[in-house]
Amino acid sequence: MNSALMVMWGRQVKEYFRNRQRLVVTLVQPTLFLIAFSFGIGSMFEQAGRGNYIQFLIPGIVGMTILMSSAMTGMSLIWDKQFGFLKETLVAPVSRTSLLFGRCLGGATTSFIQGLIVLLLGFFMGFRVADWALFPFALAVMFTIALLFNLLGTSLATKFDDMHSFPTIMNFVIMPMVFISSALFPVDNFPRLIKIAVNINPFTYCNDLLRYTLGSVAVQGLFLDLAVVSLLVLLLGALGTYLFNRLET
């Protein structure tokens, strides 16, 4: 089981680094968001007395990068369905659970790396970690978020065979998560109905953990954030295992 998991993990990571175009393209969108929001909203944010916008924005952009890249890794499962590789792995005498988590851990590793690159870019733009003692926990949070949304993307991909419809559906799921959260701007002045949506948005709790561990903004409900994210990982892990085990060869 462990060897199958490591093989699938290594395959996902090798595919990512061999595809140089993917390396560049996956970082274009978060970089554009970072530049556009920092120059477009930064001055207004600071004039409103909310402090340094870069300090507020970078954890959200890092989380957004991880979210988007993780959710889209389900495409690799659909690709493997189309070209027969998935069938070959499913008939192998290994646990399907190890195949699933090998794929998701590999995807989480590449998404984590992308988040690190965006964080490094943030340092060049003036972002500073307030408490380096929390930085190892920030790395753990980043990887956990990557695993969470890899499980989500892969679970949904088990129900799709069309490579063209999956990105559309995932964008429909991802974009509300990003914008109906505190990733890009504060939510304290949002209408009550939108605040309810913010509170049921799983990415809100992921973003809160990033803000806390990167030391940029103090958050309330830290234990709630940890509980929600941990519970979601367990639930999606169970759901993904169930759906993956039901795939037909």
C-alpha atoms as a PDB file:
ATOM      1  CA  MET A   1       0.000   0.000   0.000  1.00  0.00           C
ATOM      2  CA  ASN A   2       2.760   2.429   0.948  1.00  0.00           C
ATOM      3  CA  SER A   3       4.693   1.733  -2.260  1.00  0.00           C
ATOM      4  CA  ALA A   4       1.571   2.349  -4.389  1.00  0.00           C
ATOM      5  CA  LEU A   5       0.948   5.587  -2.550  1.00  0.00           C
ATOM      6  CA  MET A   6       4.517   6.755  -3.107  1.00  0.00           C
ATOM      7  CA  VAL A   7       4.422   5.804  -6.797  1.00  0.00           C
ATOM      8  CA  MET A   8       1.255   7.844  -7.357  1.00  0.00           C
ATOM      9  CA  TRP A   9       2.672  10.732  -5.326  1.00  0.00           C
ATOM     10  CA  GLY A  10       5.899  10.695  -7.348  1.00  0.00           C
ATOM     11  CA  ARG A  11       3.997  10.554 -10.638  1.00  0.00           C
ATOM     12  CA  GLN A  12       1.970  13.658  -9.804  1.00  0.00           C
ATOM     13  CA  VAL A  13       5.050  15.614  -8.711  1.00  0.00           C
ATOM     14  CA  LYS A  14       7.144  14.561 -11.731  1.00  0.00           C
ATOM     15  CA  GLU A  15       4.350  15.496 -14.141  1.00  0.00           C
ATOM     16  CA  TYR A  16       4.175  18.954 -12.590  1.00  0.00           C
ATOM     17  CA  PHE A  17       7.893  19.711 -12.867  1.00  0.00           C
ATOM     18  CA  ARG A  18       8.207  18.267 -16.361  1.00  0.00           C
ATOM     19  CA  ASN A  19       5.476  20.564 -17.678  1.00  0.00           C
ATOM     20  CA  ARG A  20       7.177  23.956 -17.703  1.00  0.00           C
ATOM     21  CA  GLN A  21       4.204  25.650 -19.355  1.00  0.00           C
ATOM     22  CA  ARG A  22       2.008  24.526 -16.468  1.00  0.00           C
ATOM     23  CA  LEU A  23       4.529  25.885 -13.983  1.00  0.00           C
ATOM     24  CA  VAL A  24       4.206  29.329 -15.540  1.00  0.00           C
ATOM     25  CA  VAL A  25       0.474  29.368 -16.312  1.00  0.00           C
ATOM     26  CA  THR A  26      -0.609  28.288 -12.834  1.00  0.00           C
ATOM     27  CA  LEU A  27       1.198  31.283 -11.345  1.00  0.00           C
ATOM     28  CA  VAL A  28      -0.044  33.916 -13.802  1.00  0.00           C
ATOM     29  CA  GLN A  29      -3.541  34.328 -12.369  1.00  0.00           C
ATOM     30  CA  PRO A  30      -2.548  34.756  -8.679  1.00  0.00           C
ATOM     31  CA  THR A  31       0.239  37.136  -9.719  1.00  0.00           C
ATOM     32  CA  LEU A  32      -2.232  39.266 -11.681  1.00  0.00           C
ATOM     33  CA  PHE A  33      -4.631  39.269  -8.725  1.00  0.00           C
ATOM     34  CA  LEU A  34      -1.786  40.273  -6.437  1.00  0.00           C
ATOM     35  CA  ILE A  35      -0.658  43.165  -8.622  1.00  0.00           C
ATOM     36  CA  ALA A  36      -4.157  44.386  -9.509  1.00  0.00           C
ATOM     37  CA  PHE A  37      -5.520  44.361  -5.964  1.00  0.00           C
ATOM     38  CA  SER A  38      -2.384  45.724  -4.312  1.00  0.00           C
ATOM     39  CA  PHE A  39      -2.242  48.743  -6.621  1.00  0.00           C
ATOM     40  CA  GLY A  40      -5.981  49.117  -7.133  1.00  0.00           C
ATOM     41  CA  ILE A  41      -7.276  48.750  -3.586  1.00  0.00           C
ATOM     42  CA  GLY A  42      -4.170  49.155  -1.442  1.00  0.00           C
ATOM     43  CA  SER A  43      -4.293  52.940  -1.158  1.00  0.00           C
ATOM     44  CA  MET A  44      -8.023  52.973  -0.332  1.00  0.00           C
ATOM     45  CA  PHE A  45      -7.510  50.218   2.234  1.00  0.00           C
ATOM     46  CA  GLU A  46      -4.799  52.202   4.000  1.00  0.00           C
ATOM     47  CA  GLN A  47      -6.756  55.484   3.800  1.00  0.00           C
ATOM     48  CA  ALA A  48      -9.633  53.748   5.571  1.00  0.00           C
ATOM     49  CA  GLY A  49      -7.291  53.081   8.487  1.00  0.00           C
ATOM     50  CA  ARG A  50      -7.068  49.327   8.027  1.00  0.00           C
ATOM     51  CA  GLY A  51      -3.287  49.188   7.865  1.00  0.00           C
ATOM     52  CA  ASN A  52      -1.007  47.724   5.233  1.00  0.00           C
ATOM     53  CA  TYR A  53      -3.042  46.039   2.492  1.00  0.00           C
ATOM     54  CA  ILE A  54      -0.146  43.811   1.400  1.00  0.00           C
ATOM     55  CA  GLN A  55      -0.060  42.337   4.898  1.00  0.00           C
ATOM     56  CA  PHE A  56      -3.779  41.633   4.606  1.00  0.00           C
ATOM     57  CA  LEU A  57      -3.759  40.439   0.992  1.00  0.00           C
ATOM     58  CA  ILE A  58      -0.847  37.996   0.762  1.00  0.00           C
ATOM     59  CA  PRO A  59      -2.334  35.218   2.962  1.00  0.00           C
ATOM     60  CA  GLY A  60      -5.528  35.409   0.926  1.00  0.00           C
ATOM     61  CA  ILE A  61      -3.664  35.222  -2.400  1.00  0.00           C
ATOM     62  CA  VAL A  62      -1.585  32.300  -1.129  1.00  0.00           C
ATOM     63  CA  GLY A  63      -4.763  30.516  -0.061  1.00  0.00           C
ATOM     64  CA  MET A  64      -6.463  31.328  -3.376  1.00  0.00           C
ATOM     65  CA  THR A  65      -3.493  29.934  -5.313  1.00  0.00           C
ATOM     66  CA  ILE A  66      -3.581  26.698  -3.349  1.00  0.00           C
ATOM     67  CA  LEU A  67      -7.371  26.438  -3.673  1.00  0.00           C
ATOM     68  CA  MET A  68      -7.439  26.924  -7.441  1.00  0.00           C
ATOM     69  CA  SER A  69      -4.508  24.675  -8.276  1.00  0.00           C
ATOM     70  CA  SER A  70      -5.693  21.944  -5.886  1.00  0.00           C
ATOM     71  CA  ALA A  71      -9.275  21.818  -7.136  1.00  0.00           C
ATOM     72  CA  MET A  72      -8.144  21.617 -10.758  1.00  0.00           C
ATOM     73  CA  THR A  73      -5.952  18.556 -10.150  1.00  0.00           C
ATOM     74  CA  GLY A  74      -9.081  16.497 -10.684  1.00  0.00           C
ATOM     75  CA  MET A  75      -8.389  17.064 -14.377  1.00  0.00           C
ATOM     76  CA  SER A  76      -5.551  14.543 -14.178  1.00  0.00           C
ATOM     77  CA  LEU A  77      -8.018  11.861 -13.077  1.00  0.00           C
ATOM     78  CA  ILE A  78     -10.279  12.581 -16.064  1.00  0.00           C
ATOM     79  CA  TRP A  79      -7.227  12.585 -18.329  1.00  0.00           C
ATOM     80  CA  ASP A  80      -6.215   9.169 -16.995  1.00  0.00           C
ATOM     81  CA  LYS A  81      -9.755   7.909 -17.619  1.00  0.00           C
ATOM     82  CA  GLN A  82      -9.612   9.026 -21.237  1.00  0.00           C
ATOM     83  CA  PHE A  83      -6.239   7.446 -21.994  1.00  0.00           C
ATOM     84  CA  GLY A  84      -6.638   4.218 -20.052  1.00  0.00           C
ATOM     85  CA  PHE A  85      -4.025   4.771 -17.340  1.00  0.00           C
ATOM     86  CA  LEU A  86      -6.666   4.811 -14.598  1.00  0.00           C
ATOM     87  CA  LYS A  87      -7.989   1.410 -15.672  1.00  0.00           C
ATOM     88  CA  GLU A  88      -4.488  -0.065 -15.457  1.00  0.00           C
ATOM     89  CA  THR A  89      -3.993   1.243 -11.915  1.00  0.00           C
ATOM     90  CA  LEU A  90      -7.444   0.177 -10.733  1.00  0.00           C
ATOM     91  CA  VAL A  91      -6.878  -3.466 -11.748  1.00  0.00           C
ATOM     92  CA  ALA A  92      -3.494  -3.556  -9.973  1.00  0.00           C
ATOM     93  CA  PRO A  93      -3.410  -5.662  -6.760  1.00  0.00           C
ATOM     94  CA  VAL A  94      -3.158  -2.636  -4.478  1.00  0.00           C
ATOM     95  CA  SER A  95      -5.594  -0.727  -2.324  1.00  0.00           C
ATOM     96  CA  ARG A  96      -7.623   1.889  -4.164  1.00  0.00           C
ATOM     97  CA  THR A  97      -7.405   4.036  -1.060  1.00  0.00           C
ATOM     98  CA  SER A  98      -3.619   4.195  -1.453  1.00  0.00           C
ATOM     99  CA  LEU A  99      -4.064   5.163  -5.120  1.00  0.00           C
ATOM    100  CA  LEU A 100      -6.476   7.944  -4.178  1.00  0.00           C
ATOM    101  CA  PHE A 101      -4.329   9.402  -1.415  1.00  0.00           C
ATOM    102  CA  GLY A 102      -1.171   9.040  -3.478  1.00  0.00           C
ATOM    103  CA  ARG A 103      -2.779  11.176  -6.192  1.00  0.00           C
ATOM    104  CA  CYS A 104      -4.121  13.708  -3.697  1.00  0.00           C
ATOM    105  CA  LEU A 105      -0.883  13.973  -1.709  1.00  0.00           C
ATOM    106  CA  GLY A 106       1.048  14.449  -4.950  1.00  0.00           C
ATOM    107  CA  GLY A 107      -1.374  17.156  -6.059  1.00  0.00           C
ATOM    108  CA  ALA A 108      -1.211  18.730  -2.601  1.00  0.00           C
ATOM    109  CA  THR A 109       2.597  18.833  -2.840  1.00  0.00           C
ATOM    110  CA  THR A 110       2.544  20.713  -6.161  1.00  0.00           C
ATOM    111  CA  SER A 111      -0.176  23.105  -4.928  1.00  0.00           C
ATOM    112  CA  PHE A 112       1.848  23.716  -1.764  1.00  0.00           C
ATOM    113  CA  ILE A 113       4.886  24.583  -3.884  1.00  0.00           C
ATOM    114  CA  GLN A 114       2.835  27.060  -5.891  1.00  0.00           C
ATOM    115  CA  GLY A 115       1.631  28.658  -2.658  1.00  0.00           C
ATOM    116  CA  LEU A 116       5.246  28.972  -1.480  1.00  0.00           C
ATOM    117  CA  ILE A 117       6.235  30.693  -4.731  1.00  0.00           C
ATOM    118  CA  VAL A 118       3.419  33.236  -4.342  1.00  0.00           C
ATOM    119  CA  LEU A 119       4.428  33.790  -0.715  1.00  0.00           C
ATOM    120  CA  LEU A 120       8.003  34.433  -1.853  1.00  0.00           C
ATOM    121  CA  LEU A 121       6.688  36.942  -4.379  1.00  0.00           C
ATOM    122  CA  GLY A 122       4.811  38.595  -1.527  1.00  0.00           C
ATOM    123  CA  PHE A 123       8.089  39.093   0.356  1.00  0.00           C
ATOM    124  CA  PHE A 124       9.417  41.069  -2.601  1.00  0.00           C
ATOM    125  CA  MET A 125       6.264  43.217  -2.486  1.00  0.00           C
ATOM    126  CA  GLY A 126       6.741  44.074   1.178  1.00  0.00           C
ATOM    127  CA  PHE A 127       4.951  41.298   3.064  1.00  0.00           C
ATOM    128  CA  ARG A 128       6.552  40.317   6.359  1.00  0.00           C
ATOM    129  CA  VAL A 129       5.810  37.381   8.653  1.00  0.00           C
ATOM    130  CA  ALA A 130       5.033  38.885  12.046  1.00  0.00           C
ATOM    131  CA  ASP A 131       5.900  35.796  14.096  1.00  0.00           C
ATOM    132  CA  TRP A 132       8.412  33.354  12.610  1.00  0.00           C
ATOM    133  CA  ALA A 133       7.659  30.899  15.425  1.00  0.00           C
ATOM    134  CA  LEU A 134       4.287  30.303  13.754  1.00  0.00           C
ATOM    135  CA  PHE A 135       5.744  29.896  10.275  1.00  0.00           C
ATOM    136  CA  PRO A 136       6.123  26.070  10.477  1.00  0.00           C
ATOM    137  CA  PHE A 137       2.434  25.920  11.400  1.00  0.00           C
ATOM    138  CA  ALA A 138       1.671  28.127   8.379  1.00  0.00           C
ATOM    139  CA  LEU A 139       3.409  25.583   6.150  1.00  0.00           C
ATOM    140  CA  ALA A 140       1.369  22.786   7.730  1.00  0.00           C
ATOM    141  CA  VAL A 141      -1.831  24.784   7.190  1.00  0.00           C
ATOM    142  CA  MET A 142      -0.919  25.420   3.542  1.00  0.00           C
ATOM    143  CA  PHE A 143      -0.372  21.713   2.916  1.00  0.00           C
ATOM    144  CA  THR A 144      -3.598  20.784   4.734  1.00  0.00           C
ATOM    145  CA  ILE A 145      -5.588  23.245   2.607  1.00  0.00           C
ATOM    146  CA  ALA A 146      -3.973  21.791  -0.505  1.00  0.00           C
ATOM    147  CA  LEU A 147      -4.908  18.256   0.556  1.00  0.00           C
ATOM    148  CA  LEU A 148      -8.467  19.331   1.395  1.00  0.00           C
ATOM    149  CA  PHE A 149      -9.187  20.807  -2.016  1.00  0.00           C
ATOM    150  CA  ASN A 150      -7.317  18.050  -3.850  1.00  0.00           C
ATOM    151  CA  LEU A 151      -9.708  15.627  -2.200  1.00  0.00           C
ATOM    152  CA  LEU A 152     -12.613  17.831  -3.284  1.00  0.00           C
ATOM    153  CA  GLY A 153     -11.418  18.104  -6.882  1.00  0.00           C
ATOM    154  CA  THR A 154     -10.631  14.398  -7.173  1.00  0.00           C
ATOM    155  CA  SER A 155     -13.943  13.379  -5.592  1.00  0.00           C
ATOM    156  CA  LEU A 156     -15.862  15.490  -8.095  1.00  0.00           C
ATOM    157  CA  ALA A 157     -13.711  14.226 -10.967  1.00  0.00           C
ATOM    158  CA  THR A 158     -14.810  10.639 -10.288  1.00  0.00           C
ATOM    159  CA  LYS A 159     -18.271  11.651 -11.559  1.00  0.00           C
ATOM    160  CA  PHE A 160     -16.998  13.291 -14.781  1.00  0.00           C
ATOM    161  CA  ASP A 161     -15.737  11.865 -18.048  1.00  0.00           C
ATOM    162  CA  ASP A 162     -15.697  15.088 -20.063  1.00  0.00           C
ATOM    163  CA  MET A 163     -12.514  17.172 -19.746  1.00  0.00           C
ATOM    164  CA  HIS A 164     -14.318  20.244 -21.085  1.00  0.00           C
ATOM    165  CA  SER A 165     -17.148  20.406 -18.536  1.00  0.00           C
ATOM    166  CA  PHE A 166     -15.049  19.760 -15.429  1.00  0.00           C
ATOM    167  CA  PRO A 167     -13.124  23.094 -15.446  1.00  0.00           C
ATOM    168  CA  THR A 168     -16.400  24.980 -15.902  1.00  0.00           C
ATOM    169  CA  ILE A 169     -17.982  23.244 -12.927  1.00  0.00           C
ATOM    170  CA  MET A 170     -14.897  23.748 -10.779  1.00  0.00           C
ATOM    171  CA  ASN A 171     -14.746  27.465 -11.597  1.00  0.00           C
ATOM    172  CA  PHE A 172     -18.418  27.668 -10.614  1.00  0.00           C
ATOM    173  CA  VAL A 173     -17.464  26.143  -7.244  1.00  0.00           C
ATOM    174  CA  ILE A 174     -14.137  27.924  -6.696  1.00  0.00           C
ATOM    175  CA  MET A 175     -14.833  31.559  -7.570  1.00  0.00           C
ATOM    176  CA  PRO A 176     -17.652  32.052  -5.006  1.00  0.00           C
ATOM    177  CA  MET A 177     -15.380  30.515  -2.367  1.00  0.00           C
ATOM    178  CA  VAL A 178     -12.698  33.100  -3.122  1.00  0.00           C
ATOM    179  CA  PHE A 179     -14.872  36.191  -3.347  1.00  0.00           C
ATOM    180  CA  ILE A 180     -17.357  35.301  -0.581  1.00  0.00           C
ATOM    181  CA  SER A 181     -14.594  35.124   1.999  1.00  0.00           C
ATOM    182  CA  SER A 182     -12.105  37.461   3.618  1.00  0.00           C
ATOM    183  CA  ALA A 183      -9.323  36.465   1.214  1.00  0.00           C
ATOM    184  CA  LEU A 184      -9.241  39.696  -0.797  1.00  0.00           C
ATOM    185  CA  PHE A 185     -11.045  42.253   1.385  1.00  0.00           C
ATOM    186  CA  PRO A 186     -12.565  42.529   4.883  1.00  0.00           C
ATOM    187  CA  VAL A 187     -16.078  41.162   5.313  1.00  0.00           C
ATOM    188  CA  ASP A 188     -17.191  43.087   8.403  1.00  0.00           C
ATOM    189  CA  ASN A 189     -19.213  45.557   6.298  1.00  0.00           C
ATOM    190  CA  PHE A 190     -20.838  42.908   4.111  1.00  0.00           C
ATOM    191  CA  PRO A 191     -24.671  42.653   4.161  1.00  0.00           C
ATOM    192  CA  ARG A 192     -26.051  40.160   6.665  1.00  0.00           C
ATOM    193  CA  LEU A 193     -27.060  37.651   4.000  1.00  0.00           C
ATOM    194  CA  ILE A 194     -23.555  37.674   2.503  1.00  0.00           C
ATOM    195  CA  LYS A 195     -22.042  37.256   5.970  1.00  0.00           C
ATOM    196  CA  ILE A 196     -24.082  34.077   6.384  1.00  0.00           C
ATOM    197  CA  ALA A 197     -22.626  32.808   3.106  1.00  0.00           C
ATOM    198  CA  VAL A 198     -19.142  33.764   4.359  1.00  0.00           C
ATOM    199  CA  ASN A 199     -19.681  31.750   7.542  1.00  0.00           C
ATOM    200  CA  ILE A 200     -20.686  28.595   5.652  1.00  0.00           C
ATOM    201  CA  ASN A 201     -17.863  28.952   3.140  1.00  0.00           C
ATOM    202  CA  PRO A 202     -15.132  26.386   3.976  1.00  0.00           C
ATOM    203  CA  PHE A 203     -12.455  28.604   2.460  1.00  0.00           C
ATOM    204  CA  THR A 204     -13.222  31.252   5.109  1.00  0.00           C
ATOM    205  CA  TYR A 205     -11.855  28.978   7.821  1.00  0.00           C
ATOM    206  CA  CYS A 206      -8.835  28.035   5.726  1.00  0.00           C
ATOM    207  CA  ASN A 207      -8.092  31.702   5.116  1.00  0.00           C
ATOM    208  CA  ASP A 208      -8.449  32.542   8.818  1.00  0.00           C
ATOM    209  CA  LEU A 209      -5.859  29.909   9.691  1.00  0.00           C
ATOM    210  CA  LEU A 210      -3.453  31.320   7.116  1.00  0.00           C
ATOM    211  CA  ARG A 211      -3.894  34.839   8.478  1.00  0.00           C
ATOM    212  CA  TYR A 212      -3.198  33.671  11.996  1.00  0.00           C
ATOM    213  CA  THR A 213      -0.200  31.451  11.259  1.00  0.00           C
ATOM    214  CA  LEU A 214       1.414  33.951   8.909  1.00  0.00           C
ATOM    215  CA  GLY A 215       0.993  36.499  11.686  1.00  0.00           C
ATOM    216  CA  SER A 216      -0.590  39.234   9.613  1.00  0.00           C
ATOM    217  CA  VAL A 217      -4.021  39.461  11.237  1.00  0.00           C
ATOM    218  CA  ALA A 218      -5.299  38.169  14.560  1.00  0.00           C
ATOM    219  CA  VAL A 219      -8.422  36.054  14.086  1.00  0.00           C
ATOM    220  CA  GLN A 220     -11.143  34.912  16.415  1.00  0.00           C
ATOM    221  CA  GLY A 221     -12.381  31.355  16.630  1.00  0.00           C
ATOM    222  CA  LEU A 222      -9.018  29.676  16.042  1.00  0.00           C
ATOM    223  CA  PHE A 223     -10.193  26.355  17.478  1.00  0.00           C
ATOM    224  CA  LEU A 224     -13.337  26.551  15.351  1.00  0.00           C
ATOM    225  CA  ASP A 225     -11.175  27.079  12.262  1.00  0.00           C
ATOM    226  CA  LEU A 226      -9.028  24.067  13.143  1.00  0.00           C
ATOM    227  CA  ALA A 227     -12.078  21.918  13.865  1.00  0.00           C
ATOM    228  CA  VAL A 228     -13.850  22.839  10.624  1.00  0.00           C
ATOM    229  CA  VAL A 229     -10.795  22.266   8.408  1.00  0.00           C
ATOM    230  CA  SER A 230      -9.912  18.974  10.128  1.00  0.00           C
ATOM    231  CA  LEU A 231     -13.504  17.738   9.874  1.00  0.00           C
ATOM    232  CA  LEU A 232     -13.679  18.644   6.185  1.00  0.00           C
ATOM    233  CA  VAL A 233     -10.469  16.740   5.443  1.00  0.00           C
ATOM    234  CA  LEU A 234     -11.885  13.659   7.168  1.00  0.00           C
ATOM    235  CA  LEU A 235     -15.265  13.932   5.445  1.00  0.00           C
ATOM    236  CA  LEU A 236     -13.806  14.497   1.980  1.00  0.00           C
ATOM    237  CA  GLY A 237     -11.279  11.732   2.567  1.00  0.00           C
ATOM    238  CA  ALA A 238     -14.138   9.343   3.368  1.00  0.00           C
ATOM    239  CA  LEU A 239     -16.240  10.595   0.449  1.00  0.00           C
ATOM    240  CA  GLY A 240     -13.323  10.409  -1.975  1.00  0.00           C
ATOM    241  CA  THR A 241     -12.503   6.865  -0.824  1.00  0.00           C
ATOM    242  CA  TYR A 242     -16.119   5.795  -1.315  1.00  0.00           C
ATOM    243  CA  LEU A 243     -16.409   7.333  -4.800  1.00  0.00           C
ATOM    244  CA  PHE A 244     -12.979   6.102  -5.902  1.00  0.00           C
ATOM    245  CA  ASN A 245     -13.791   2.571  -4.781  1.00  0.00           C
ATOM    246  CA  ARG A 246     -16.947   2.680  -6.887  1.00  0.00           C
ATOM    247  CA  LEU A 247     -15.105   3.534 -10.096  1.00  0.00           C
ATOM    248  CA  GLU A 248     -15.558   0.834 -12.693  1.00  0.00           C
ATOM    249  CA  THR A 249     -12.598  -0.643 -14.497  1.00  0.00           C
END
